[in-house]
């Protein structure tokens, strides 16, 4: 993917970044609504693996992953589960 033509600005993004933000916002909303037991379904396997792994995340989305982990501790129970994009029609 070489450099862009001079009249264009090239913008690249990783979908995991947007998925991590969406996941964090969902967790925060459920806390605000007073839910105590939550199952977070996500169609990004990358985000789910990072949320389930207790090791320090060094990726570009680490701040969102860490915030989601911290927020999820406020629930009585919180599970992170991968579901394929087809199964996650509610979110899409």
N, C-alpha and C. Protein backbone atom coordinates (compact mmCIF):
# COMPACT_ATOMS: atom_id res chain seq x y z
N UNK A 1 0.83 -1.19 0.00
CA UNK A 1 0.00 0.00 0.00
C UNK A 1 0.86 1.23 0.00
N UNK A 2 1.48 1.69 -0.85
CA UNK A 2 2.42 2.81 -0.83
C UNK A 2 1.83 4.10 -0.33
N UNK A 3 2.58 5.16 -0.47
CA UNK A 3 2.11 6.46 0.01
C UNK A 3 0.94 6.96 -0.84
N UNK A 4 0.08 7.78 -0.26
CA UNK A 4 -1.07 8.28 -1.01
C UNK A 4 -0.64 9.31 -2.05
N UNK A 5 -1.51 9.52 -3.04
CA UNK A 5 -1.25 10.58 -3.99
C UNK A 5 -1.26 11.90 -3.23
N UNK A 6 -0.61 12.92 -3.78
CA UNK A 6 -0.45 14.18 -3.05
C UNK A 6 -1.76 14.88 -2.70
N UNK A 7 -2.82 14.69 -3.45
CA UNK A 7 -4.08 15.38 -3.15
C UNK A 7 -4.97 14.60 -2.16
N UNK A 8 -4.48 13.49 -1.66
CA UNK A 8 -5.26 12.68 -0.74
C UNK A 8 -4.55 12.53 0.59
N UNK A 9 -5.35 12.41 1.65
CA UNK A 9 -4.84 12.06 2.96
C UNK A 9 -5.31 10.64 3.21
N UNK A 10 -4.40 9.78 3.58
CA UNK A 10 -4.73 8.37 3.79
C UNK A 10 -5.08 8.14 5.26
N UNK A 11 -6.20 7.46 5.50
CA UNK A 11 -6.63 7.14 6.86
C UNK A 11 -6.78 5.63 6.95
N UNK A 12 -6.04 5.02 7.86
CA UNK A 12 -6.14 3.58 8.11
C UNK A 12 -6.67 3.39 9.52
N UNK A 13 -7.50 2.39 9.70
CA UNK A 13 -7.95 2.07 11.04
C UNK A 13 -8.18 0.58 11.17
N UNK A 14 -8.11 0.14 12.40
CA UNK A 14 -8.33 -1.26 12.72
C UNK A 14 -9.73 -1.37 13.30
N UNK A 15 -10.54 -2.26 12.76
CA UNK A 15 -11.92 -2.42 13.24
C UNK A 15 -11.94 -2.79 14.72
N UNK A 16 -10.90 -3.44 15.22
CA UNK A 16 -10.85 -3.80 16.64
C UNK A 16 -10.92 -2.56 17.53
N UNK A 17 -10.35 -1.46 17.05
CA UNK A 17 -10.38 -0.21 17.79
C UNK A 17 -11.83 0.21 18.02
N UNK A 18 -12.63 0.21 16.96
CA UNK A 18 -14.04 0.60 17.08
C UNK A 18 -14.82 -0.41 17.92
N UNK A 19 -14.50 -1.69 17.77
CA UNK A 19 -15.19 -2.73 18.54
C UNK A 19 -14.89 -2.58 20.04
N UNK A 20 -13.66 -2.26 20.37
CA UNK A 20 -13.28 -2.10 21.79
C UNK A 20 -14.01 -0.91 22.40
N UNK A 21 -14.13 0.18 21.65
CA UNK A 21 -14.85 1.36 22.15
C UNK A 21 -16.32 1.00 22.37
N UNK A 22 -16.91 0.32 21.40
CA UNK A 22 -18.32 -0.07 21.49
C UNK A 22 -18.55 -1.00 22.69
N UNK A 23 -17.64 -1.90 22.93
CA UNK A 23 -17.75 -2.83 24.06
C UNK A 23 -17.68 -2.07 25.38
N UNK A 24 -16.73 -1.16 25.50
CA UNK A 24 -16.59 -0.37 26.72
C UNK A 24 -17.84 0.46 26.97
N UNK A 25 -18.39 1.08 25.92
CA UNK A 25 -19.60 1.88 26.08
C UNK A 25 -20.79 1.02 26.52
N UNK A 26 -20.87 -0.19 25.98
CA UNK A 26 -21.94 -1.10 26.38
C UNK A 26 -21.84 -1.49 27.85
N UNK A 27 -20.63 -1.75 28.30
CA UNK A 27 -20.41 -2.09 29.71
C UNK A 27 -20.79 -0.92 30.60
N UNK A 28 -20.35 0.28 30.24
CA UNK A 28 -20.66 1.47 31.03
C UNK A 28 -22.17 1.72 31.09
N UNK A 29 -22.87 1.52 29.97
CA UNK A 29 -24.31 1.74 29.93
C UNK A 29 -25.04 0.76 30.86
N UNK A 30 -24.61 -0.49 30.86
CA UNK A 30 -25.28 -1.49 31.71
C UNK A 30 -25.01 -1.23 33.19
N UNK A 31 -23.83 -0.72 33.50
CA UNK A 31 -23.56 -0.32 34.89
C UNK A 31 -24.47 0.83 35.29
N UNK A 32 -24.60 1.82 34.40
CA UNK A 32 -25.45 2.97 34.67
C UNK A 32 -26.91 2.56 34.87
N UNK A 33 -27.34 1.52 34.16
CA UNK A 33 -28.71 1.05 34.26
C UNK A 33 -28.93 0.13 35.47
N UNK A 34 -27.85 -0.22 36.16
CA UNK A 34 -27.97 -0.99 37.38
C UNK A 34 -27.96 -2.50 37.22
N UNK A 35 -27.60 -2.99 36.05
CA UNK A 35 -27.52 -4.44 35.87
C UNK A 35 -26.38 -4.99 36.70
N UNK A 36 -26.55 -6.20 37.25
CA UNK A 36 -25.52 -6.81 38.10
C UNK A 36 -24.85 -8.01 37.46
N UNK A 37 -25.56 -8.70 36.58
CA UNK A 37 -25.01 -9.87 35.90
C UNK A 37 -25.10 -9.62 34.39
N UNK A 38 -23.96 -9.66 33.73
CA UNK A 38 -23.90 -9.27 32.33
C UNK A 38 -23.11 -10.28 31.52
N UNK A 39 -23.61 -10.57 30.33
CA UNK A 39 -22.88 -11.37 29.36
C UNK A 39 -22.61 -10.47 28.16
N UNK A 40 -21.35 -10.19 27.91
CA UNK A 40 -20.95 -9.32 26.80
C UNK A 40 -20.67 -10.21 25.60
N UNK A 41 -21.47 -10.04 24.55
CA UNK A 41 -21.26 -10.78 23.31
C UNK A 41 -20.64 -9.84 22.29
N UNK A 42 -19.60 -10.30 21.67
CA UNK A 42 -18.84 -9.47 20.74
C UNK A 42 -18.49 -10.30 19.52
N UNK A 43 -18.55 -9.68 18.34
CA UNK A 43 -18.22 -10.43 17.13
C UNK A 43 -16.78 -10.20 16.67
N UNK A 44 -15.98 -9.59 17.51
CA UNK A 44 -14.55 -9.44 17.23
C UNK A 44 -13.78 -10.39 18.15
N UNK A 45 -13.30 -11.47 17.58
CA UNK A 45 -12.55 -12.46 18.38
C UNK A 45 -11.32 -11.82 19.01
N UNK A 46 -10.72 -10.87 18.32
CA UNK A 46 -9.54 -10.18 18.83
C UNK A 46 -9.87 -9.45 20.14
N UNK A 47 -10.97 -8.72 20.17
CA UNK A 47 -11.36 -7.98 21.37
C UNK A 47 -11.70 -8.94 22.51
N UNK A 48 -12.46 -9.98 22.22
CA UNK A 48 -12.84 -10.95 23.26
C UNK A 48 -11.60 -11.62 23.86
N UNK A 49 -10.68 -12.04 23.03
CA UNK A 49 -9.46 -12.68 23.56
C UNK A 49 -8.70 -11.73 24.47
N UNK A 50 -8.62 -10.47 24.10
CA UNK A 50 -7.91 -9.49 24.93
C UNK A 50 -8.64 -9.26 26.25
N UNK A 51 -9.97 -9.23 26.21
CA UNK A 51 -10.74 -9.03 27.44
C UNK A 51 -10.63 -10.23 28.37
N UNK A 52 -10.57 -11.42 27.81
CA UNK A 52 -10.49 -12.64 28.63
C UNK A 52 -9.09 -12.88 29.17
N UNK A 53 -8.08 -12.40 28.49
CA UNK A 53 -6.70 -12.62 28.89
C UNK A 53 -6.33 -11.65 30.01
N UNK A 54 -5.75 -12.14 31.07
CA UNK A 54 -5.40 -11.29 32.20
C UNK A 54 -4.03 -10.62 32.06
N UNK A 55 -3.30 -11.00 31.01
CA UNK A 55 -1.99 -10.37 30.79
C UNK A 55 -2.18 -8.93 30.34
N UNK A 56 -1.14 -8.12 30.58
CA UNK A 56 -1.19 -6.73 30.14
C UNK A 56 -1.23 -6.69 28.61
N UNK A 57 -2.16 -5.95 28.09
CA UNK A 57 -2.32 -5.82 26.65
C UNK A 57 -1.42 -4.69 26.15
N UNK A 58 -0.66 -4.94 25.11
CA UNK A 58 0.25 -3.93 24.58
C UNK A 58 -0.17 -3.42 23.20
N UNK A 59 -1.41 -3.71 22.82
CA UNK A 59 -1.88 -3.30 21.50
C UNK A 59 -2.33 -1.83 21.50
N UNK A 60 -2.70 -1.35 20.34
CA UNK A 60 -3.18 0.03 20.20
C UNK A 60 -4.51 0.25 20.94
N UNK A 61 -5.23 -0.82 21.23
CA UNK A 61 -6.53 -0.66 21.91
C UNK A 61 -6.43 -0.95 23.40
N UNK A 62 -5.22 -1.00 23.92
CA UNK A 62 -5.00 -1.41 25.31
C UNK A 62 -5.76 -0.55 26.32
N UNK A 63 -5.86 0.75 26.09
CA UNK A 63 -6.56 1.61 27.05
C UNK A 63 -8.03 1.24 27.15
N UNK A 64 -8.66 0.94 26.02
CA UNK A 64 -10.07 0.56 26.02
C UNK A 64 -10.26 -0.82 26.64
N UNK A 65 -9.34 -1.73 26.35
CA UNK A 65 -9.41 -3.07 26.92
C UNK A 65 -9.27 -3.00 28.44
N UNK A 66 -8.30 -2.25 28.91
CA UNK A 66 -8.08 -2.12 30.35
C UNK A 66 -9.27 -1.45 31.04
N UNK A 67 -9.81 -0.40 30.42
CA UNK A 67 -10.98 0.26 31.00
C UNK A 67 -12.17 -0.69 31.07
N UNK A 68 -12.37 -1.49 30.02
CA UNK A 68 -13.48 -2.45 30.01
C UNK A 68 -13.28 -3.51 31.10
N UNK A 69 -12.06 -3.97 31.28
CA UNK A 69 -11.78 -4.95 32.34
C UNK A 69 -12.08 -4.35 33.71
N UNK A 70 -11.63 -3.12 33.94
CA UNK A 70 -11.85 -2.46 35.23
C UNK A 70 -13.33 -2.25 35.49
N UNK A 71 -14.04 -1.72 34.48
CA UNK A 71 -15.48 -1.48 34.63
C UNK A 71 -16.23 -2.78 34.89
N UNK A 72 -15.81 -3.87 34.22
CA UNK A 72 -16.53 -5.14 34.35
C UNK A 72 -16.42 -5.71 35.76
N UNK A 73 -15.44 -5.30 36.53
CA UNK A 73 -15.30 -5.78 37.91
C UNK A 73 -16.40 -5.26 38.82
N UNK A 74 -17.11 -4.22 38.39
CA UNK A 74 -18.18 -3.66 39.19
C UNK A 74 -19.47 -4.48 39.11
N UNK A 75 -19.51 -5.43 38.18
CA UNK A 75 -20.67 -6.32 38.09
C UNK A 75 -20.51 -7.47 39.08
N UNK A 76 -21.63 -8.02 39.49
CA UNK A 76 -21.60 -9.24 40.29
C UNK A 76 -20.99 -10.37 39.46
N UNK A 77 -21.41 -10.45 38.19
CA UNK A 77 -20.86 -11.40 37.24
C UNK A 77 -20.76 -10.73 35.88
N UNK A 78 -19.67 -10.99 35.17
CA UNK A 78 -19.51 -10.46 33.82
C UNK A 78 -18.74 -11.49 33.00
N UNK A 79 -19.36 -11.93 31.91
CA UNK A 79 -18.72 -12.90 31.02
C UNK A 79 -18.52 -12.26 29.65
N UNK A 80 -17.39 -12.54 29.04
CA UNK A 80 -17.10 -12.07 27.69
C UNK A 80 -17.16 -13.28 26.77
N UNK A 81 -17.99 -13.18 25.73
CA UNK A 81 -18.21 -14.33 24.87
C UNK A 81 -18.17 -13.90 23.41
N UNK A 82 -17.43 -14.65 22.61
CA UNK A 82 -17.38 -14.41 21.17
C UNK A 82 -18.61 -15.00 20.49
N UNK A 83 -19.22 -14.22 19.64
CA UNK A 83 -20.28 -14.71 18.76
C UNK A 83 -19.96 -14.21 17.36
N UNK A 84 -20.20 -15.04 16.39
CA UNK A 84 -19.93 -14.65 15.01
C UNK A 84 -20.80 -13.48 14.58
N UNK A 85 -20.38 -12.79 13.54
CA UNK A 85 -21.12 -11.62 13.06
C UNK A 85 -22.57 -11.95 12.73
N UNK A 86 -22.83 -13.12 12.16
CA UNK A 86 -24.20 -13.51 11.83
C UNK A 86 -25.06 -13.68 13.08
N UNK A 87 -24.47 -14.16 14.15
CA UNK A 87 -25.21 -14.36 15.41
C UNK A 87 -25.41 -13.07 16.17
N UNK A 88 -24.64 -12.06 15.83
CA UNK A 88 -24.68 -10.79 16.56
C UNK A 88 -25.50 -9.73 15.81
N UNK A 89 -26.64 -10.14 15.27
CA UNK A 89 -27.47 -9.23 14.47
C UNK A 89 -28.01 -8.07 15.28
N UNK A 90 -28.24 -8.24 16.57
CA UNK A 90 -28.77 -7.16 17.40
C UNK A 90 -27.83 -5.97 17.40
N UNK A 91 -26.53 -6.22 17.54
CA UNK A 91 -25.56 -5.13 17.57
C UNK A 91 -25.34 -4.53 16.20
N UNK A 92 -25.42 -5.37 15.18
CA UNK A 92 -25.14 -4.88 13.82
C UNK A 92 -26.36 -4.28 13.20
